[in-house]
Structure formats: structure tokens, C-alpha cells
N, C-alpha and C. Protein backbone atom coordinates (compact mmCIF):
# COMPACT_ATOMS: atom_id res chain seq x y z
N MET A 1 -66.68 -105.24 26.67
CA MET A 1 -66.41 -106.63 27.00
C MET A 1 -67.07 -107.50 25.95
N THR A 2 -66.33 -108.52 25.49
CA THR A 2 -66.81 -109.38 24.42
C THR A 2 -67.51 -110.62 24.94
N GLY A 3 -67.53 -110.82 26.23
CA GLY A 3 -68.20 -111.99 26.79
C GLY A 3 -67.24 -113.12 27.06
N LEU A 4 -65.97 -113.00 26.62
CA LEU A 4 -64.97 -114.03 26.89
C LEU A 4 -64.35 -113.78 28.26
N MET A 5 -64.15 -114.85 29.01
CA MET A 5 -63.53 -114.71 30.32
C MET A 5 -62.03 -114.56 30.16
N GLU A 6 -61.46 -113.72 30.96
CA GLU A 6 -60.02 -113.54 30.97
C GLU A 6 -59.41 -114.69 31.78
N LEU A 7 -58.42 -115.38 31.22
CA LEU A 7 -57.76 -116.47 31.91
C LEU A 7 -56.91 -115.92 33.05
N GLN A 8 -56.98 -116.59 34.19
CA GLN A 8 -56.10 -116.22 35.29
C GLN A 8 -54.74 -116.85 35.02
N ARG A 9 -53.68 -116.12 35.25
CA ARG A 9 -52.32 -116.60 35.00
C ARG A 9 -51.51 -116.48 36.28
N CYS A 10 -50.45 -117.26 36.35
CA CYS A 10 -49.57 -117.29 37.52
C CYS A 10 -49.02 -115.89 37.80
N GLY A 11 -48.70 -115.16 36.76
CA GLY A 11 -48.15 -113.81 36.92
C GLY A 11 -49.11 -112.85 37.58
N ASP A 12 -50.41 -113.12 37.47
CA ASP A 12 -51.40 -112.25 38.12
C ASP A 12 -51.25 -112.32 39.64
N ALA A 13 -50.74 -113.45 40.15
CA ALA A 13 -50.57 -113.62 41.60
C ALA A 13 -49.14 -113.33 42.03
N GLY A 14 -48.30 -112.88 41.11
CA GLY A 14 -46.94 -112.50 41.47
C GLY A 14 -45.85 -113.43 40.98
N GLY A 15 -46.20 -114.51 40.26
CA GLY A 15 -45.18 -115.42 39.73
C GLY A 15 -44.36 -114.74 38.67
N LYS A 16 -43.02 -114.84 38.80
CA LYS A 16 -42.10 -114.19 37.85
C LYS A 16 -41.20 -115.22 37.20
N THR A 17 -40.86 -115.00 35.94
CA THR A 17 -39.91 -115.86 35.23
C THR A 17 -38.50 -115.47 35.63
N LYS A 18 -37.51 -116.23 35.18
CA LYS A 18 -36.12 -115.90 35.47
C LYS A 18 -35.74 -114.55 34.90
N ALA A 19 -36.39 -114.17 33.81
CA ALA A 19 -36.12 -112.88 33.19
C ALA A 19 -36.81 -111.73 33.94
N GLY A 20 -37.64 -112.08 34.92
CA GLY A 20 -38.31 -111.05 35.71
C GLY A 20 -39.66 -110.63 35.18
N THR A 21 -40.12 -111.27 34.11
CA THR A 21 -41.43 -110.93 33.55
C THR A 21 -42.49 -111.79 34.22
N PRO A 22 -43.75 -111.35 34.22
CA PRO A 22 -44.82 -112.15 34.84
C PRO A 22 -44.98 -113.50 34.13
N CYS A 23 -45.14 -114.55 34.93
CA CYS A 23 -45.34 -115.89 34.39
C CYS A 23 -46.70 -115.93 33.70
N ARG A 24 -46.76 -116.52 32.49
CA ARG A 24 -47.99 -116.52 31.72
C ARG A 24 -48.73 -117.85 31.80
N SER A 25 -48.29 -118.77 32.65
CA SER A 25 -48.90 -120.09 32.72
C SER A 25 -50.28 -120.04 33.37
N PRO A 26 -51.29 -120.59 32.67
CA PRO A 26 -52.62 -120.70 33.27
C PRO A 26 -52.87 -122.10 33.84
N LEU A 27 -51.86 -122.99 33.74
CA LEU A 27 -52.03 -124.39 34.10
C LEU A 27 -51.60 -124.68 35.53
N GLY A 28 -52.35 -125.54 36.21
CA GLY A 28 -51.98 -126.04 37.52
C GLY A 28 -51.85 -124.98 38.59
N LEU A 29 -52.69 -123.96 38.55
CA LEU A 29 -52.60 -122.90 39.55
C LEU A 29 -53.14 -123.41 40.89
N GLY A 30 -52.41 -123.09 41.95
CA GLY A 30 -52.84 -123.49 43.28
C GLY A 30 -53.84 -122.51 43.86
N GLU A 31 -54.16 -122.72 45.12
CA GLU A 31 -55.12 -121.82 45.79
C GLU A 31 -54.62 -120.39 45.85
N ASN A 32 -53.31 -120.23 45.88
CA ASN A 32 -52.74 -118.88 45.94
C ASN A 32 -52.58 -118.26 44.54
N GLY A 33 -52.96 -118.98 43.50
CA GLY A 33 -52.91 -118.46 42.13
C GLY A 33 -51.58 -118.68 41.43
N LEU A 34 -50.63 -119.33 42.08
CA LEU A 34 -49.32 -119.56 41.48
C LEU A 34 -49.24 -120.95 40.85
N CYS A 35 -48.48 -121.05 39.77
CA CYS A 35 -48.27 -122.36 39.14
C CYS A 35 -47.30 -123.17 40.00
N MET A 36 -47.15 -124.44 39.67
CA MET A 36 -46.33 -125.34 40.46
C MET A 36 -44.87 -124.87 40.54
N ASN A 37 -44.37 -124.26 39.48
CA ASN A 37 -42.97 -123.81 39.46
C ASN A 37 -42.71 -122.62 40.37
N HIS A 38 -43.72 -121.81 40.62
CA HIS A 38 -43.53 -120.59 41.41
C HIS A 38 -44.15 -120.67 42.80
N ASP A 39 -44.87 -121.72 43.11
CA ASP A 39 -45.51 -121.86 44.41
C ASP A 39 -44.52 -122.50 45.38
N PRO A 40 -44.06 -121.77 46.40
CA PRO A 40 -43.09 -122.32 47.34
C PRO A 40 -43.59 -123.57 48.06
N ALA A 41 -44.89 -123.67 48.28
CA ALA A 41 -45.46 -124.82 48.99
C ALA A 41 -45.41 -126.08 48.13
N ARG A 42 -45.25 -125.95 46.82
CA ARG A 42 -45.24 -127.12 45.93
C ARG A 42 -43.89 -127.32 45.24
N LYS A 43 -42.80 -126.78 45.81
CA LYS A 43 -41.46 -126.91 45.21
C LYS A 43 -41.04 -128.37 45.09
N ALA A 44 -41.27 -129.17 46.16
CA ALA A 44 -40.86 -130.58 46.13
C ALA A 44 -41.62 -131.33 45.04
N ALA A 45 -42.91 -131.07 44.92
CA ALA A 45 -43.71 -131.73 43.89
C ALA A 45 -43.24 -131.32 42.50
N ALA A 46 -42.90 -130.04 42.34
CA ALA A 46 -42.41 -129.55 41.05
C ALA A 46 -41.08 -130.22 40.71
N HIS A 47 -40.21 -130.34 41.71
CA HIS A 47 -38.91 -130.97 41.48
C HIS A 47 -39.10 -132.43 41.05
N GLU A 48 -39.97 -133.16 41.72
CA GLU A 48 -40.23 -134.56 41.38
C GLU A 48 -40.82 -134.68 39.97
N LEU A 49 -41.69 -133.77 39.61
CA LEU A 49 -42.30 -133.76 38.28
C LEU A 49 -41.24 -133.53 37.21
N HIS A 50 -40.34 -132.60 37.46
CA HIS A 50 -39.25 -132.32 36.50
C HIS A 50 -38.32 -133.52 36.38
N ALA A 51 -38.00 -134.15 37.53
CA ALA A 51 -37.12 -135.32 37.51
C ALA A 51 -37.76 -136.47 36.73
N ALA A 52 -39.05 -136.68 36.93
CA ALA A 52 -39.76 -137.75 36.20
C ALA A 52 -39.74 -137.47 34.70
N GLY A 53 -39.89 -136.21 34.34
CA GLY A 53 -39.82 -135.84 32.92
C GLY A 53 -38.46 -136.10 32.35
N GLY A 54 -37.41 -135.83 33.13
CA GLY A 54 -36.05 -136.09 32.68
C GLY A 54 -35.80 -137.57 32.49
N ARG A 55 -36.31 -138.38 33.43
CA ARG A 55 -36.15 -139.83 33.30
C ARG A 55 -36.88 -140.35 32.06
N ALA A 56 -38.08 -139.87 31.85
CA ALA A 56 -38.86 -140.30 30.68
C ALA A 56 -38.15 -139.90 29.39
N SER A 57 -37.61 -138.69 29.38
CA SER A 57 -36.90 -138.21 28.20
C SER A 57 -35.67 -139.06 27.93
N SER A 58 -34.94 -139.41 29.00
CA SER A 58 -33.75 -140.24 28.87
C SER A 58 -34.10 -141.63 28.33
N LEU A 59 -35.16 -142.22 28.86
CA LEU A 59 -35.59 -143.54 28.39
C LEU A 59 -36.02 -143.50 26.93
N ALA A 60 -36.72 -142.44 26.55
CA ALA A 60 -37.15 -142.31 25.16
C ALA A 60 -35.95 -142.16 24.23
N ALA A 61 -34.96 -141.37 24.66
CA ALA A 61 -33.76 -141.19 23.83
C ALA A 61 -33.01 -142.51 23.70
N ARG A 62 -32.91 -143.26 24.79
CA ARG A 62 -32.23 -144.56 24.75
C ARG A 62 -32.97 -145.51 23.82
N ALA A 63 -34.30 -145.49 23.87
CA ALA A 63 -35.09 -146.38 23.01
C ALA A 63 -34.88 -146.02 21.53
N ARG A 64 -34.72 -144.73 21.24
CA ARG A 64 -34.48 -144.33 19.85
C ARG A 64 -33.12 -144.78 19.37
N ARG A 65 -32.14 -144.88 20.27
CA ARG A 65 -30.77 -145.26 19.89
C ARG A 65 -30.63 -146.74 19.62
N VAL A 66 -31.41 -147.55 20.27
CA VAL A 66 -31.24 -149.00 20.20
C VAL A 66 -31.67 -149.51 18.83
N ALA A 67 -30.81 -150.31 18.23
CA ALA A 67 -31.13 -150.89 16.92
C ALA A 67 -32.16 -152.00 17.10
N LEU A 68 -32.87 -152.29 16.06
CA LEU A 68 -33.86 -153.35 16.11
C LEU A 68 -33.16 -154.70 16.25
N PRO A 69 -33.66 -155.57 17.14
CA PRO A 69 -32.99 -156.85 17.36
C PRO A 69 -32.82 -157.68 16.10
N GLY A 70 -33.77 -157.65 15.17
CA GLY A 70 -33.65 -158.42 13.94
C GLY A 70 -32.56 -157.89 13.03
N ASP A 71 -32.16 -156.67 13.23
CA ASP A 71 -31.19 -156.01 12.38
C ASP A 71 -29.75 -156.27 12.84
N VAL A 72 -29.56 -156.57 14.09
CA VAL A 72 -28.23 -156.73 14.66
C VAL A 72 -27.68 -158.10 14.29
N PRO A 73 -26.42 -158.16 13.83
CA PRO A 73 -25.84 -159.47 13.51
C PRO A 73 -25.66 -160.32 14.76
N LYS A 74 -25.39 -161.60 14.55
CA LYS A 74 -25.14 -162.51 15.68
C LYS A 74 -23.89 -162.08 16.43
N VAL A 75 -23.81 -162.47 17.67
CA VAL A 75 -22.64 -162.16 18.49
C VAL A 75 -21.41 -162.76 17.83
N PRO A 76 -20.35 -161.96 17.62
CA PRO A 76 -19.17 -162.50 16.94
C PRO A 76 -18.45 -163.53 17.78
N LYS A 77 -18.04 -164.63 17.12
CA LYS A 77 -17.29 -165.70 17.80
C LYS A 77 -15.92 -165.88 17.17
N THR A 78 -15.77 -165.41 15.93
CA THR A 78 -14.49 -165.51 15.24
C THR A 78 -14.09 -164.12 14.76
N LEU A 79 -12.86 -164.00 14.30
CA LEU A 79 -12.42 -162.70 13.77
C LEU A 79 -13.20 -162.33 12.51
N ASP A 80 -13.57 -163.33 11.71
CA ASP A 80 -14.39 -163.05 10.52
C ASP A 80 -15.76 -162.50 10.93
N ASP A 81 -16.33 -163.07 12.01
CA ASP A 81 -17.61 -162.55 12.53
C ASP A 81 -17.45 -161.10 12.97
N ALA A 82 -16.33 -160.80 13.61
CA ALA A 82 -16.08 -159.44 14.10
C ALA A 82 -15.98 -158.45 12.93
N VAL A 83 -15.35 -158.89 11.85
CA VAL A 83 -15.24 -158.03 10.66
C VAL A 83 -16.64 -157.75 10.09
N ARG A 84 -17.48 -158.79 10.00
CA ARG A 84 -18.85 -158.59 9.51
C ARG A 84 -19.64 -157.67 10.45
N TYR A 85 -19.48 -157.86 11.74
CA TYR A 85 -20.19 -157.04 12.73
C TYR A 85 -19.75 -155.59 12.61
N PHE A 86 -18.44 -155.38 12.44
CA PHE A 86 -17.94 -154.02 12.31
C PHE A 86 -18.47 -153.35 11.04
N ALA A 87 -18.59 -154.11 9.96
CA ALA A 87 -19.16 -153.56 8.71
C ALA A 87 -20.60 -153.15 8.94
N TRP A 88 -21.38 -153.99 9.63
CA TRP A 88 -22.77 -153.65 9.93
C TRP A 88 -22.82 -152.40 10.81
N LEU A 89 -21.95 -152.35 11.81
CA LEU A 89 -21.92 -151.24 12.75
C LEU A 89 -21.63 -149.92 12.03
N THR A 90 -20.65 -149.94 11.16
CA THR A 90 -20.31 -148.74 10.39
C THR A 90 -21.51 -148.27 9.56
N ASN A 91 -22.16 -149.21 8.90
CA ASN A 91 -23.33 -148.87 8.08
C ASN A 91 -24.46 -148.33 8.95
N ALA A 92 -24.68 -148.93 10.10
CA ALA A 92 -25.77 -148.50 10.98
C ALA A 92 -25.55 -147.08 11.49
N ILE A 93 -24.30 -146.73 11.76
CA ILE A 93 -24.00 -145.37 12.23
C ILE A 93 -24.19 -144.37 11.10
N VAL A 94 -23.66 -144.70 9.93
CA VAL A 94 -23.72 -143.79 8.79
C VAL A 94 -25.16 -143.55 8.34
N THR A 95 -25.99 -144.58 8.40
CA THR A 95 -27.38 -144.43 7.95
C THR A 95 -28.30 -143.91 9.04
N GLY A 96 -27.78 -143.72 10.25
CA GLY A 96 -28.58 -143.16 11.33
C GLY A 96 -29.42 -144.15 12.11
N ARG A 97 -29.24 -145.45 11.86
CA ARG A 97 -29.99 -146.45 12.62
C ARG A 97 -29.42 -146.62 14.02
N LEU A 98 -28.18 -146.15 14.23
CA LEU A 98 -27.53 -146.24 15.52
C LEU A 98 -26.80 -144.93 15.76
N ASP A 99 -26.92 -144.38 16.97
CA ASP A 99 -26.25 -143.11 17.24
C ASP A 99 -24.75 -143.31 17.38
N ALA A 100 -24.02 -142.24 17.18
CA ALA A 100 -22.56 -142.32 17.16
C ALA A 100 -21.99 -142.79 18.49
N ARG A 101 -22.57 -142.37 19.60
CA ARG A 101 -22.06 -142.77 20.92
C ARG A 101 -22.18 -144.29 21.11
N SER A 102 -23.34 -144.83 20.82
CA SER A 102 -23.52 -146.28 20.95
C SER A 102 -22.61 -147.03 19.98
N GLY A 103 -22.46 -146.49 18.78
CA GLY A 103 -21.57 -147.10 17.80
C GLY A 103 -20.13 -147.10 18.27
N HIS A 104 -19.71 -146.00 18.88
CA HIS A 104 -18.34 -145.91 19.40
C HIS A 104 -18.11 -146.95 20.49
N GLU A 105 -19.07 -147.09 21.39
CA GLU A 105 -18.93 -148.07 22.47
C GLU A 105 -18.90 -149.50 21.91
N ALA A 106 -19.74 -149.78 20.91
CA ALA A 106 -19.75 -151.10 20.31
C ALA A 106 -18.43 -151.38 19.58
N ALA A 107 -17.90 -150.38 18.89
CA ALA A 107 -16.61 -150.54 18.19
C ALA A 107 -15.49 -150.79 19.20
N PHE A 108 -15.54 -150.10 20.33
CA PHE A 108 -14.54 -150.30 21.38
C PHE A 108 -14.61 -151.75 21.90
N ALA A 109 -15.82 -152.24 22.11
CA ALA A 109 -15.99 -153.62 22.58
C ALA A 109 -15.50 -154.61 21.52
N LEU A 110 -15.78 -154.33 20.25
CA LEU A 110 -15.30 -155.21 19.17
C LEU A 110 -13.77 -155.24 19.12
N LYS A 111 -13.15 -154.09 19.36
CA LYS A 111 -11.68 -154.03 19.37
C LYS A 111 -11.14 -154.92 20.49
N GLY A 112 -11.78 -154.90 21.65
CA GLY A 112 -11.39 -155.76 22.75
C GLY A 112 -11.56 -157.22 22.39
N PHE A 113 -12.66 -157.56 21.73
CA PHE A 113 -12.89 -158.93 21.29
C PHE A 113 -11.81 -159.36 20.30
N GLN A 114 -11.51 -158.48 19.36
CA GLN A 114 -10.49 -158.79 18.35
C GLN A 114 -9.14 -159.06 19.02
N SER A 115 -8.76 -158.21 19.95
CA SER A 115 -7.49 -158.37 20.65
C SER A 115 -7.45 -159.69 21.42
N ALA A 116 -8.53 -160.00 22.14
CA ALA A 116 -8.58 -161.25 22.91
C ALA A 116 -8.54 -162.47 22.00
N ALA A 117 -9.26 -162.42 20.88
CA ALA A 117 -9.28 -163.55 19.95
C ALA A 117 -7.90 -163.76 19.32
N GLU A 118 -7.22 -162.67 18.97
CA GLU A 118 -5.88 -162.79 18.39
C GLU A 118 -4.91 -163.39 19.41
N LYS A 119 -4.99 -162.94 20.66
CA LYS A 119 -4.12 -163.49 21.70
C LYS A 119 -4.42 -164.97 21.94
N ARG A 120 -5.69 -165.33 21.95
CA ARG A 120 -6.08 -166.73 22.13
C ARG A 120 -5.50 -167.58 21.00
N ASP A 121 -5.65 -167.11 19.76
CA ASP A 121 -5.16 -167.87 18.61
C ASP A 121 -3.64 -167.98 18.63
N LEU A 122 -2.93 -166.91 18.99
CA LEU A 122 -1.47 -166.96 19.07
C LEU A 122 -1.01 -167.92 20.16
N GLN A 123 -1.71 -167.88 21.30
CA GLN A 123 -1.36 -168.80 22.39
C GLN A 123 -1.54 -170.25 21.95
N ALA A 124 -2.61 -170.55 21.24
CA ALA A 124 -2.85 -171.91 20.74
C ALA A 124 -1.75 -172.31 19.76
N GLU A 125 -1.34 -171.40 18.90
CA GLU A 125 -0.28 -171.69 17.93
C GLU A 125 1.06 -171.92 18.63
N ILE A 126 1.36 -171.12 19.65
CA ILE A 126 2.60 -171.29 20.41
C ILE A 126 2.61 -172.65 21.10
N THR A 127 1.49 -173.01 21.71
CA THR A 127 1.39 -174.31 22.38
C THR A 127 1.61 -175.45 21.39
N LYS A 128 1.01 -175.35 20.22
CA LYS A 128 1.16 -176.38 19.18
C LYS A 128 2.61 -176.47 18.72
N LEU A 129 3.25 -175.31 18.48
CA LEU A 129 4.64 -175.30 18.02
C LEU A 129 5.58 -175.86 19.09
N ARG A 130 5.31 -175.58 20.35
CA ARG A 130 6.13 -176.13 21.43
C ARG A 130 6.01 -177.65 21.48
N ALA A 131 4.80 -178.16 21.28
CA ALA A 131 4.60 -179.61 21.27
C ALA A 131 5.33 -180.24 20.09
N GLU A 132 5.27 -179.60 18.93
CA GLU A 132 5.98 -180.11 17.75
C GLU A 132 7.49 -180.09 17.98
N LEU A 133 7.99 -179.04 18.60
CA LEU A 133 9.42 -178.94 18.88
C LEU A 133 9.86 -180.01 19.86
N ALA A 134 9.06 -180.25 20.89
CA ALA A 134 9.39 -181.28 21.87
C ALA A 134 9.40 -182.66 21.19
N ALA A 135 8.43 -182.91 20.31
CA ALA A 135 8.38 -184.19 19.60
C ALA A 135 9.58 -184.33 18.67
N ALA A 136 9.98 -183.25 18.00
CA ALA A 136 11.13 -183.29 17.10
C ALA A 136 12.41 -183.53 17.88
N ARG A 137 12.53 -182.96 19.06
CA ARG A 137 13.73 -183.16 19.88
C ARG A 137 13.84 -184.61 20.33
N LYS A 138 12.70 -185.22 20.66
CA LYS A 138 12.70 -186.62 21.09
C LYS A 138 13.06 -187.54 19.92
N ALA A 139 12.60 -187.21 18.73
CA ALA A 139 12.80 -188.07 17.55
C ALA A 139 14.19 -187.92 16.96
N THR A 140 14.87 -186.81 17.20
CA THR A 140 16.17 -186.57 16.60
C THR A 140 17.27 -186.89 17.63
N PRO A 141 18.22 -187.79 17.26
CA PRO A 141 19.32 -188.08 18.20
C PRO A 141 20.16 -186.82 18.42
N THR A 142 20.63 -186.66 19.62
CA THR A 142 21.41 -185.46 19.94
C THR A 142 22.72 -185.41 19.18
N SER A 143 23.25 -186.56 18.77
CA SER A 143 24.52 -186.56 18.03
C SER A 143 24.35 -185.90 16.67
N ARG A 144 23.18 -186.01 16.06
CA ARG A 144 22.94 -185.37 14.76
C ARG A 144 22.85 -183.87 14.90
N LEU A 145 22.49 -183.41 16.08
CA LEU A 145 22.36 -181.97 16.31
C LEU A 145 23.69 -181.37 16.75
N GLY A 146 24.68 -182.24 16.99
CA GLY A 146 25.97 -181.75 17.43
C GLY A 146 25.97 -181.43 18.91
N LEU A 147 25.07 -182.04 19.63
CA LEU A 147 24.99 -181.77 21.06
C LEU A 147 25.34 -183.02 21.84
N ALA A 148 25.85 -182.84 22.98
CA ALA A 148 26.14 -183.98 23.85
C ALA A 148 24.99 -184.11 24.86
N ARG A 149 24.72 -185.35 25.22
CA ARG A 149 23.68 -185.56 26.22
C ARG A 149 24.18 -185.10 27.57
N VAL A 150 23.31 -184.52 28.30
CA VAL A 150 23.68 -184.03 29.64
C VAL A 150 23.15 -184.96 30.69
């Protein structure tokens, strides 16, 4: 004996891994000598601990994906703004400042903005042309158009 104490492990009390080998964890052993993952009395606590770890991991991953606020262009209000935003977005994805999934969602939203802005602009142009046509009809006598008044 060298004078070093042998660490007690979960496997010494019967804890087994999924592969069937003795669990080698020396951490968090209960009174029965089992770790939290193998102790039936602490299954709920182990589940909550794993869930909390998953939530923390998810939040950390989301934080890594988010671009820095100073780096993001202003919210697009015109089609020219949307073009500039899309150029920034493409660059951010390619350089790794933004993950592909977030970039895809942002590009999808930009496409919706572009479509709505184009429809808005076309509607305004149609309204203007209709007003011009109505004014031209009032200013032009019907006899010059070859039409009879009804």
C-alpha cells in the first residue's frame, strides 16, 4: 500500500453504465454509494439537473448566434435598405458572425418585407394613375374621344 486512499466509485455499489460496465463516477455519491444518475431515489433530481443543463446549453448557443447590436444595420424601411441589409446578412453568415439558421430566417423575413414594399409601391402607383386617368377624362370632351355621352 502506498498510503493513497482508494476513491469510492458508483460502480463499487452496483451502478452500471448503459454498456453494462461499472460506473466510474466518484462525484455526488449518496448514502447508498450510487451517483445521482444511478440512484433510484434521486431520479427526479437527476432529471431536473439534466434539464437545467440543457436549458443553459440552449441559452449559451443562442447567445453565440446573436450578432452584436452595433453590427446590425438599421431596420429596413425602403427596398434600398433591404438590399443593404441583405448584403450585411450574407457577409455575416459567410464570416461566421451569424449562424446559417438565423441567417435563413432573417433572409426569409427580408423577402417578406421586399414583397410587401413592392406591393405597397405598386398600389400607390395604381392609385396615382387612376387619379390621372380620371382627371384626363374630365378634361377631355367625349366628342374628341369618339364617344357619346351616356
